[in-house]
Amino acid sequence: MSVPRRHPDWIKVRAPGGESYAATKQVVQQLALHTVCEEAHCPNIAECWGHRTATFMLLGDVCTRNCGYCAVAHGRPLPVDPLEPRRVAEGVARLGLRHVVVTSVDRDDLPDGGAGHFARVIEAIHRRTPGTAVEVLTPDFRGVADALDVVLAAAPEAIEPGLRLVRREYPTAIGPVDLMCRDSEAVAVAVEVKRRGEIDGVEQLTRYLELLNRDPLLAPVRGVFAAQEIKPQARVLAEDRGIRCVTLDYDTMRGISDACLRLF
């Protein structure tokens, strides 16, 4: 006697519908927003939109890359829409989101890969709904670290909770500090951002801190060394000098999830 095979409930996808789904769809359509849910043909759209949430996709719905595993359209994209930051922020407000995820197509046609647009969207969301946390899943920006600085400047909480930006590329006599911030206690924080954390990066930040701490309007200034990978020697040197090390998870910021969470 054969027993019919039963699949677990979590593998079944319910059909889209319901009041919350319809309300989310209406917001997306009225504000002419792009979402990963639609453009990438996500099978979980019914569940997410049913809870009045969505992952917003910036910079249009056409990607400059043609990845075989991705359902997003590829080709030559339209010019960047300068009003998109305001519309995304309005969508976040209408949906009542306290935590929002924004990502984008790859825009290799833009000099900064779209980093400046990301920053404008984050700033618009913070202005419209100040209490909303913004999670960014960025493209790789073709490996240009300066583009990541732009995004981190708009969302410094990715480095440390409670951190707020004072100025990007804060000037000193020997060159600019990547980010000058204030922490939750209003203490000045100088942040140096690198792809790879080497000893020379720690030495560079140390020189910045020596100069900055001479300024009575800023002192005391503490340092944060942020990088995707920090060499052991650099970490030991930084910690010996009182500099906090932060490892940036670039893959998470780019939306590449942990392999253990994947079905395939």
C-alpha atoms as a PDB file:
ATOM      1  CA  MET A   1       0.000   0.000   0.000  1.00  0.00           C
ATOM      2  CA  SER A   2       1.555   3.257  -1.117  1.00  0.00           C
ATOM      3  CA  VAL A   3       1.429   6.268   1.162  1.00  0.00           C
ATOM      4  CA  PRO A   4       0.860   9.596  -0.609  1.00  0.00           C
ATOM      5  CA  ARG A   5       3.827  11.921  -0.243  1.00  0.00           C
ATOM      6  CA  ARG A   6       3.158  14.979   1.897  1.00  0.00           C
ATOM      7  CA  HIS A   7       5.202  18.138   1.640  1.00  0.00           C
ATOM      8  CA  PRO A   8       5.784  20.301   4.726  1.00  0.00           C
ATOM      9  CA  ASP A   9       3.486  23.298   5.123  1.00  0.00           C
ATOM     10  CA  TRP A  10       6.353  25.780   4.841  1.00  0.00           C
ATOM     11  CA  ILE A  11       7.136  24.703   1.282  1.00  0.00           C
ATOM     12  CA  LYS A  12       3.654  25.538   0.058  1.00  0.00           C
ATOM     13  CA  VAL A  13       3.057  29.041  -1.316  1.00  0.00           C
ATOM     14  CA  ARG A  14      -0.367  30.529  -0.807  1.00  0.00           C
ATOM     15  CA  ALA A  15      -2.015  32.602  -3.509  1.00  0.00           C
ATOM     16  CA  PRO A  16      -1.783  36.394  -3.107  1.00  0.00           C
ATOM     17  CA  GLY A  17      -4.845  38.061  -1.617  1.00  0.00           C
ATOM     18  CA  GLY A  18      -6.389  39.719   1.403  1.00  0.00           C
ATOM     19  CA  GLU A  19      -6.836  43.309   2.579  1.00  0.00           C
ATOM     20  CA  SER A  20      -3.212  43.851   3.662  1.00  0.00           C
ATOM     21  CA  TYR A  21      -1.888  42.450   0.367  1.00  0.00           C
ATOM     22  CA  ALA A  22      -4.203  44.733  -1.601  1.00  0.00           C
ATOM     23  CA  ALA A  23      -3.237  47.761   0.516  1.00  0.00           C
ATOM     24  CA  THR A  24       0.489  47.124  -0.001  1.00  0.00           C
ATOM     25  CA  LYS A  25       0.006  46.665  -3.730  1.00  0.00           C
ATOM     26  CA  GLN A  26      -1.950  49.913  -3.894  1.00  0.00           C
ATOM     27  CA  VAL A  27       0.867  51.857  -2.173  1.00  0.00           C
ATOM     28  CA  VAL A  28       3.474  50.366  -4.519  1.00  0.00           C
ATOM     29  CA  GLN A  29       1.412  51.171  -7.615  1.00  0.00           C
ATOM     30  CA  GLN A  30       0.307  54.661  -6.553  1.00  0.00           C
ATOM     31  CA  LEU A  31       3.884  55.733  -5.800  1.00  0.00           C
ATOM     32  CA  ALA A  32       5.348  53.943  -8.858  1.00  0.00           C
ATOM     33  CA  LEU A  33       7.816  52.002  -6.716  1.00  0.00           C
ATOM     34  CA  HIS A  34       9.873  48.982  -7.730  1.00  0.00           C
ATOM     35  CA  THR A  35      10.170  46.005  -5.410  1.00  0.00           C
ATOM     36  CA  VAL A  36      12.251  42.854  -5.430  1.00  0.00           C
ATOM     37  CA  CYS A  37       9.021  41.050  -4.637  1.00  0.00           C
ATOM     38  CA  GLU A  38       7.662  41.776  -8.121  1.00  0.00           C
ATOM     39  CA  GLU A  39      10.713  42.287 -10.313  1.00  0.00           C
ATOM     40  CA  ALA A  40      12.491  39.139  -9.079  1.00  0.00           C
ATOM     41  CA  HIS A  41       9.260  37.093  -9.099  1.00  0.00           C
ATOM     42  CA  CYS A  42       9.640  36.247  -5.416  1.00  0.00           C
ATOM     43  CA  PRO A  43       7.419  33.308  -4.381  1.00  0.00           C
ATOM     44  CA  ASN A  44       6.961  34.820  -0.899  1.00  0.00           C
ATOM     45  CA  ILE A  45       5.232  37.976  -2.100  1.00  0.00           C
ATOM     46  CA  ALA A  46       1.873  36.915  -0.638  1.00  0.00           C
ATOM     47  CA  GLU A  47       3.345  36.478   2.843  1.00  0.00           C
ATOM     48  CA  CYS A  48       5.367  39.706   2.854  1.00  0.00           C
ATOM     49  CA  TRP A  49       2.744  41.942   1.278  1.00  0.00           C
ATOM     50  CA  GLY A  50       0.155  40.281   3.497  1.00  0.00           C
ATOM     51  CA  HIS A  51       2.094  41.731   6.455  1.00  0.00           C
ATOM     52  CA  ARG A  52       2.317  45.160   4.758  1.00  0.00           C
ATOM     53  CA  THR A  53       6.045  44.971   4.073  1.00  0.00           C
ATOM     54  CA  ALA A  54       8.187  44.915   0.937  1.00  0.00           C
ATOM     55  CA  THR A  55      11.826  45.129  -0.153  1.00  0.00           C
ATOM     56  CA  PHE A  56      12.192  48.276  -2.238  1.00  0.00           C
ATOM     57  CA  MET A  57      14.411  48.146  -5.318  1.00  0.00           C
ATOM     58  CA  LEU A  58      16.085  51.416  -6.281  1.00  0.00           C
ATOM     59  CA  LEU A  59      17.439  52.834  -9.513  1.00  0.00           C
ATOM     60  CA  GLY A  60      14.800  51.354 -11.802  1.00  0.00           C
ATOM     61  CA  ASP A  61      13.800  47.849 -12.808  1.00  0.00           C
ATOM     62  CA  VAL A  62      16.494  47.161 -15.417  1.00  0.00           C
ATOM     63  CA  CYS A  63      19.912  45.828 -14.377  1.00  0.00           C
ATOM     64  CA  THR A  64      23.109  46.422 -16.332  1.00  0.00           C
ATOM     65  CA  ARG A  65      24.236  42.853 -15.624  1.00  0.00           C
ATOM     66  CA  ASN A  66      22.791  39.624 -16.984  1.00  0.00           C
ATOM     67  CA  CYS A  67      23.010  36.984 -14.261  1.00  0.00           C
ATOM     68  CA  GLY A  68      21.512  33.676 -15.343  1.00  0.00           C
ATOM     69  CA  TYR A  69      19.945  32.959 -11.955  1.00  0.00           C
ATOM     70  CA  CYS A  70      18.148  36.320 -11.627  1.00  0.00           C
ATOM     71  CA  ALA A  71      14.664  37.140 -12.921  1.00  0.00           C
ATOM     72  CA  VAL A  72      15.216  40.922 -12.910  1.00  0.00           C
ATOM     73  CA  ALA A  73      15.215  42.410 -16.417  1.00  0.00           C
ATOM     74  CA  HIS A  74      18.583  43.385 -17.895  1.00  0.00           C
ATOM     75  CA  GLY A  75      19.616  45.833 -20.561  1.00  0.00           C
ATOM     76  CA  ARG A  76      20.057  49.594 -20.821  1.00  0.00           C
ATOM     77  CA  PRO A  77      18.330  51.292 -17.864  1.00  0.00           C
ATOM     78  CA  LEU A  78      16.535  54.619 -17.854  1.00  0.00           C
ATOM     79  CA  PRO A  79      18.119  57.710 -16.276  1.00  0.00           C
ATOM     80  CA  VAL A  80      18.012  57.897 -12.482  1.00  0.00           C
ATOM     81  CA  ASP A  81      14.726  59.302 -11.160  1.00  0.00           C
ATOM     82  CA  PRO A  82      15.576  62.192  -8.780  1.00  0.00           C
ATOM     83  CA  LEU A  83      12.120  61.958  -7.149  1.00  0.00           C
ATOM     84  CA  GLU A  84      12.474  58.296  -6.188  1.00  0.00           C
ATOM     85  CA  PRO A  85      13.928  58.992  -2.696  1.00  0.00           C
ATOM     86  CA  ARG A  86      10.849  61.031  -1.771  1.00  0.00           C
ATOM     87  CA  ARG A  87       8.472  58.364  -3.124  1.00  0.00           C
ATOM     88  CA  VAL A  88      10.227  55.528  -1.291  1.00  0.00           C
ATOM     89  CA  ALA A  89      10.128  57.513   1.951  1.00  0.00           C
ATOM     90  CA  GLU A  90       6.427  58.156   1.450  1.00  0.00           C
ATOM     91  CA  GLY A  91       5.852  54.443   0.823  1.00  0.00           C
ATOM     92  CA  VAL A  92       7.631  53.585   4.072  1.00  0.00           C
ATOM     93  CA  ALA A  93       5.436  56.075   5.930  1.00  0.00           C
ATOM     94  CA  ARG A  94       2.176  54.809   4.395  1.00  0.00           C
ATOM     95  CA  LEU A  95       3.025  51.195   5.211  1.00  0.00           C
ATOM     96  CA  GLY A  96       3.992  52.152   8.760  1.00  0.00           C
ATOM     97  CA  LEU A  97       7.361  50.362   8.565  1.00  0.00           C
ATOM     98  CA  ARG A  98       9.702  50.548  11.566  1.00  0.00           C
ATOM     99  CA  HIS A  99      12.355  48.555   9.687  1.00  0.00           C
ATOM    100  CA  VAL A 100      12.748  48.803   5.936  1.00  0.00           C
ATOM    101  CA  VAL A 101      15.011  46.969   3.491  1.00  0.00           C
ATOM    102  CA  VAL A 102      16.226  48.753   0.353  1.00  0.00           C
ATOM    103  CA  THR A 103      18.312  47.262  -2.425  1.00  0.00           C
ATOM    104  CA  SER A 104      18.888  48.046  -6.090  1.00  0.00           C
ATOM    105  CA  VAL A 105      19.737  46.770  -9.510  1.00  0.00           C
ATOM    106  CA  ASP A 106      23.378  47.040 -10.583  1.00  0.00           C
ATOM    107  CA  ARG A 107      24.025  50.342 -12.326  1.00  0.00           C
ATOM    108  CA  ASP A 108      27.481  50.004 -13.866  1.00  0.00           C
ATOM    109  CA  ASP A 109      26.542  52.902 -16.159  1.00  0.00           C
ATOM    110  CA  LEU A 110      26.739  55.369 -13.268  1.00  0.00           C
ATOM    111  CA  PRO A 111      30.101  56.782 -12.111  1.00  0.00           C
ATOM    112  CA  ASP A 112      29.392  55.920  -8.456  1.00  0.00           C
ATOM    113  CA  GLY A 113      27.355  52.794  -9.166  1.00  0.00           C
ATOM    114  CA  GLY A 114      24.323  54.477  -7.605  1.00  0.00           C
ATOM    115  CA  ALA A 115      25.874  55.032  -4.151  1.00  0.00           C
ATOM    116  CA  GLY A 116      24.804  58.672  -4.015  1.00  0.00           C
ATOM    117  CA  HIS A 117      21.219  57.697  -4.815  1.00  0.00           C
ATOM    118  CA  PHE A 118      21.273  55.114  -2.020  1.00  0.00           C
ATOM    119  CA  ALA A 119      22.382  57.827   0.388  1.00  0.00           C
ATOM    120  CA  ARG A 120      19.613  60.191  -0.737  1.00  0.00           C
ATOM    121  CA  VAL A 121      16.983  57.478  -0.236  1.00  0.00           C
ATOM    122  CA  ILE A 122      18.245  56.698   3.282  1.00  0.00           C
ATOM    123  CA  GLU A 123      18.277  60.392   4.196  1.00  0.00           C
ATOM    124  CA  ALA A 124      14.748  60.860   2.797  1.00  0.00           C
ATOM    125  CA  ILE A 125      13.443  57.933   4.869  1.00  0.00           C
ATOM    126  CA  HIS A 126      15.066  59.298   8.032  1.00  0.00           C
ATOM    127  CA  ARG A 127      13.513  62.718   7.403  1.00  0.00           C
ATOM    128  CA  ARG A 128      10.031  61.316   6.722  1.00  0.00           C
ATOM    129  CA  THR A 129       9.995  58.667   9.467  1.00  0.00           C
ATOM    130  CA  PRO A 130      12.877  59.379  11.901  1.00  0.00           C
ATOM    131  CA  GLY A 131      12.300  56.246  13.976  1.00  0.00           C
ATOM    132  CA  THR A 132      12.600  53.823  11.044  1.00  0.00           C
ATOM    133  CA  ALA A 133      15.688  51.613  10.836  1.00  0.00           C
ATOM    134  CA  VAL A 134      17.033  51.293   7.281  1.00  0.00           C
ATOM    135  CA  GLU A 135      18.757  48.084   6.178  1.00  0.00           C
ATOM    136  CA  VAL A 136      20.676  48.449   2.917  1.00  0.00           C
ATOM    137  CA  LEU A 137      21.553  45.593   0.579  1.00  0.00           C
ATOM    138  CA  THR A 138      23.957  47.292  -1.800  1.00  0.00           C
ATOM    139  CA  PRO A 139      25.424  46.131  -5.090  1.00  0.00           C
ATOM    140  CA  ASP A 140      29.191  45.616  -5.159  1.00  0.00           C
ATOM    141  CA  PHE A 141      29.860  49.126  -6.609  1.00  0.00           C
ATOM    142  CA  ARG A 142      32.541  47.414  -8.726  1.00  0.00           C
ATOM    143  CA  GLY A 143      34.762  47.175  -5.650  1.00  0.00           C
ATOM    144  CA  VAL A 144      35.121  50.945  -5.182  1.00  0.00           C
ATOM    145  CA  ALA A 145      35.453  51.626  -1.441  1.00  0.00           C
ATOM    146  CA  ASP A 146      34.555  55.325  -1.813  1.00  0.00           C
ATOM    147  CA  ALA A 147      31.068  54.318  -2.952  1.00  0.00           C
ATOM    148  CA  LEU A 148      30.580  52.334   0.247  1.00  0.00           C
ATOM    149  CA  ASP A 149      31.683  55.373   2.273  1.00  0.00           C
ATOM    150  CA  VAL A 150      28.807  57.322   0.733  1.00  0.00           C
ATOM    151  CA  VAL A 151      26.261  54.712   1.846  1.00  0.00           C
ATOM    152  CA  LEU A 152      27.756  54.341   5.330  1.00  0.00           C
ATOM    153  CA  ALA A 153      27.699  58.109   5.732  1.00  0.00           C
ATOM    154  CA  ALA A 154      23.931  57.986   5.267  1.00  0.00           C
ATOM    155  CA  ALA A 155      23.514  54.965   7.556  1.00  0.00           C
ATOM    156  CA  PRO A 156      26.315  55.086  10.185  1.00  0.00           C
ATOM    157  CA  GLU A 157      24.217  52.879  12.497  1.00  0.00           C
ATOM    158  CA  ALA A 158      25.567  49.980  10.409  1.00  0.00           C
ATOM    159  CA  ILE A 159      28.925  50.647  12.088  1.00  0.00           C
ATOM    160  CA  GLU A 160      27.681  51.281  15.625  1.00  0.00           C
ATOM    161  CA  PRO A 161      24.169  51.707  17.074  1.00  0.00           C
ATOM    162  CA  GLY A 162      23.385  55.315  17.926  1.00  0.00           C
ATOM    163  CA  LEU A 163      26.089  56.730  15.674  1.00  0.00           C
ATOM    164  CA  ARG A 164      25.147  59.842  13.686  1.00  0.00           C
ATOM    165  CA  LEU A 165      27.118  61.510  10.942  1.00  0.00           C
ATOM    166  CA  VAL A 166      28.715  64.929  11.439  1.00  0.00           C
ATOM    167  CA  ARG A 167      30.585  65.086   8.154  1.00  0.00           C
ATOM    168  CA  ARG A 168      31.967  62.810   5.477  1.00  0.00           C
ATOM    169  CA  GLU A 169      35.652  63.333   4.550  1.00  0.00           C
ATOM    170  CA  TYR A 170      36.319  65.509   7.587  1.00  0.00           C
ATOM    171  CA  PRO A 171      39.428  67.598   6.751  1.00  0.00           C
ATOM    172  CA  THR A 172      42.703  67.412   8.665  1.00  0.00           C
ATOM    173  CA  ALA A 173      46.190  68.739   7.911  1.00  0.00           C
ATOM    174  CA  ILE A 174      47.266  65.333   6.539  1.00  0.00           C
ATOM    175  CA  GLY A 175      44.099  64.392   4.656  1.00  0.00           C
ATOM    176  CA  PRO A 176      40.406  63.726   5.244  1.00  0.00           C
ATOM    177  CA  VAL A 177      38.958  61.240   7.726  1.00  0.00           C
ATOM    178  CA  ASP A 178      36.384  59.046   5.975  1.00  0.00           C
ATOM    179  CA  LEU A 179      33.580  59.714   8.479  1.00  0.00           C
ATOM    180  CA  MET A 180      33.336  62.035  11.465  1.00  0.00           C
ATOM    181  CA  CYS A 181      30.443  61.042  13.727  1.00  0.00           C
ATOM    182  CA  ARG A 182      29.010  61.520  17.204  1.00  0.00           C
ATOM    183  CA  ASP A 183      27.919  58.617  19.359  1.00  0.00           C
ATOM    184  CA  SER A 184      24.850  58.437  21.600  1.00  0.00           C
ATOM    185  CA  GLU A 185      26.779  60.328  24.314  1.00  0.00           C
ATOM    186  CA  ALA A 186      27.836  63.076  21.861  1.00  0.00           C
ATOM    187  CA  VAL A 187      31.485  61.923  21.864  1.00  0.00           C
ATOM    188  CA  ALA A 188      33.308  62.519  18.566  1.00  0.00           C
ATOM    189  CA  VAL A 189      34.128  59.347  16.621  1.00  0.00           C
ATOM    190  CA  ALA A 190      36.558  59.245  13.681  1.00  0.00           C
ATOM    191  CA  VAL A 191      35.850  56.293  11.364  1.00  0.00           C
ATOM    192  CA  GLU A 192      38.299  54.979   8.771  1.00  0.00           C
ATOM    193  CA  VAL A 193      36.715  52.619   6.212  1.00  0.00           C
ATOM    194  CA  LYS A 194      38.791  50.106   4.259  1.00  0.00           C
ATOM    195  CA  ARG A 195      38.172  47.039   2.147  1.00  0.00           C
ATOM    196  CA  ARG A 196      41.085  45.254   3.826  1.00  0.00           C
ATOM    197  CA  GLY A 197      42.279  46.292   7.244  1.00  0.00           C
ATOM    198  CA  GLU A 198      46.071  46.488   7.191  1.00  0.00           C
ATOM    199  CA  ILE A 199      48.586  47.981   9.615  1.00  0.00           C
ATOM    200  CA  ASP A 200      49.017  51.061   7.420  1.00  0.00           C
ATOM    201  CA  GLY A 201      45.305  51.821   7.809  1.00  0.00           C
ATOM    202  CA  VAL A 202      45.629  51.730  11.595  1.00  0.00           C
ATOM    203  CA  GLU A 203      48.703  53.994  11.407  1.00  0.00           C
ATOM    204  CA  GLN A 204      46.768  56.413   9.214  1.00  0.00           C
ATOM    205  CA  LEU A 205      43.841  56.567  11.664  1.00  0.00           C
ATOM    206  CA  THR A 206      46.276  56.987  14.572  1.00  0.00           C
ATOM    207  CA  ARG A 207      47.774  60.097  12.938  1.00  0.00           C
ATOM    208  CA  TYR A 208      44.276  61.489  12.327  1.00  0.00           C
ATOM    209  CA  LEU A 209      43.358  60.959  15.993  1.00  0.00           C
ATOM    210  CA  GLU A 210      46.525  62.691  17.200  1.00  0.00           C
ATOM    211  CA  LEU A 211      45.590  65.793  15.189  1.00  0.00           C
ATOM    212  CA  LEU A 212      41.873  65.711  15.996  1.00  0.00           C
ATOM    213  CA  ASN A 213      42.453  65.397  19.738  1.00  0.00           C
ATOM    214  CA  ARG A 214      44.406  68.669  19.674  1.00  0.00           C
ATOM    215  CA  ASP A 215      41.196  70.465  18.706  1.00  0.00           C
ATOM    216  CA  PRO A 216      39.469  71.584  21.951  1.00  0.00           C
ATOM    217  CA  LEU A 217      36.118  71.719  20.133  1.00  0.00           C
ATOM    218  CA  LEU A 218      36.335  68.032  19.233  1.00  0.00           C
ATOM    219  CA  ALA A 219      38.398  66.340  21.942  1.00  0.00           C
ATOM    220  CA  PRO A 220      38.122  63.701  23.112  1.00  0.00           C
ATOM    221  CA  VAL A 221      37.917  61.849  19.798  1.00  0.00           C
ATOM    222  CA  ARG A 222      37.879  58.059  19.687  1.00  0.00           C
ATOM    223  CA  GLY A 223      38.640  55.956  16.637  1.00  0.00           C
ATOM    224  CA  VAL A 224      36.830  53.164  14.796  1.00  0.00           C
ATOM    225  CA  PHE A 225      38.620  51.085  12.165  1.00  0.00           C
ATOM    226  CA  ALA A 226      36.026  49.473   9.866  1.00  0.00           C
ATOM    227  CA  ALA A 227      36.875  46.947   7.162  1.00  0.00           C
ATOM    228  CA  GLN A 228      35.608  43.804   5.487  1.00  0.00           C
ATOM    229  CA  GLU A 229      38.630  41.904   6.729  1.00  0.00           C
ATOM    230  CA  ILE A 230      41.044  43.049   9.428  1.00  0.00           C
ATOM    231  CA  LYS A 231      44.451  41.391   9.622  1.00  0.00           C
ATOM    232  CA  PRO A 232      45.373  40.026  13.080  1.00  0.00           C
ATOM    233  CA  GLN A 233      48.432  42.269  13.335  1.00  0.00           C
ATOM    234  CA  ALA A 234      46.332  45.322  12.465  1.00  0.00           C
ATOM    235  CA  ARG A 235      43.678  44.382  15.029  1.00  0.00           C
ATOM    236  CA  VAL A 236      46.258  43.938  17.801  1.00  0.00           C
ATOM    237  CA  LEU A 237      47.851  47.292  16.967  1.00  0.00           C
ATOM    238  CA  ALA A 238      44.477  49.063  16.833  1.00  0.00           C
ATOM    239  CA  GLU A 239      43.256  47.646  20.136  1.00  0.00           C
ATOM    240  CA  ASP A 240      46.598  48.479  21.775  1.00  0.00           C
ATOM    241  CA  ARG A 241      46.017  52.108  20.754  1.00  0.00           C
ATOM    242  CA  GLY A 242      42.419  52.171  21.972  1.00  0.00           C
ATOM    243  CA  ILE A 243      40.912  51.989  18.484  1.00  0.00           C
ATOM    244  CA  ARG A 244      37.761  49.895  18.112  1.00  0.00           C
ATOM    245  CA  CYS A 245      37.705  47.444  15.201  1.00  0.00           C
ATOM    246  CA  VAL A 246      34.488  46.726  13.283  1.00  0.00           C
ATOM    247  CA  THR A 247      34.225  44.017  10.640  1.00  0.00           C
ATOM    248  CA  LEU A 248      31.789  45.046   7.914  1.00  0.00           C
ATOM    249  CA  ASP A 249      29.752  42.206   6.435  1.00  0.00           C
ATOM    250  CA  TYR A 250      29.820  43.361   2.819  1.00  0.00           C
ATOM    251  CA  ASP A 251      27.976  40.230   1.644  1.00  0.00           C
ATOM    252  CA  THR A 252      25.060  40.959   3.977  1.00  0.00           C
ATOM    253  CA  MET A 253      25.016  44.583   2.820  1.00  0.00           C
ATOM    254  CA  ARG A 254      24.931  43.340  -0.775  1.00  0.00           C
ATOM    255  CA  GLY A 255      22.074  40.965   0.039  1.00  0.00           C
ATOM    256  CA  ILE A 256      24.030  37.703  -0.229  1.00  0.00           C
ATOM    257  CA  SER A 257      22.480  35.555   2.463  1.00  0.00           C
ATOM    258  CA  ASP A 258      24.119  32.899   4.590  1.00  0.00           C
ATOM    259  CA  ALA A 259      24.368  29.584   2.767  1.00  0.00           C
ATOM    260  CA  CYS A 260      22.708  27.797   5.680  1.00  0.00           C
ATOM    261  CA  LEU A 261      19.501  29.766   5.060  1.00  0.00           C
ATOM    262  CA  ARG A 262      19.210  28.686   1.423  1.00  0.00           C
ATOM    263  CA  LEU A 263      17.064  25.856   0.107  1.00  0.00           C
ATOM    264  CA  PHE A 264      19.446  25.105  -2.761  1.00  0.00           C
END
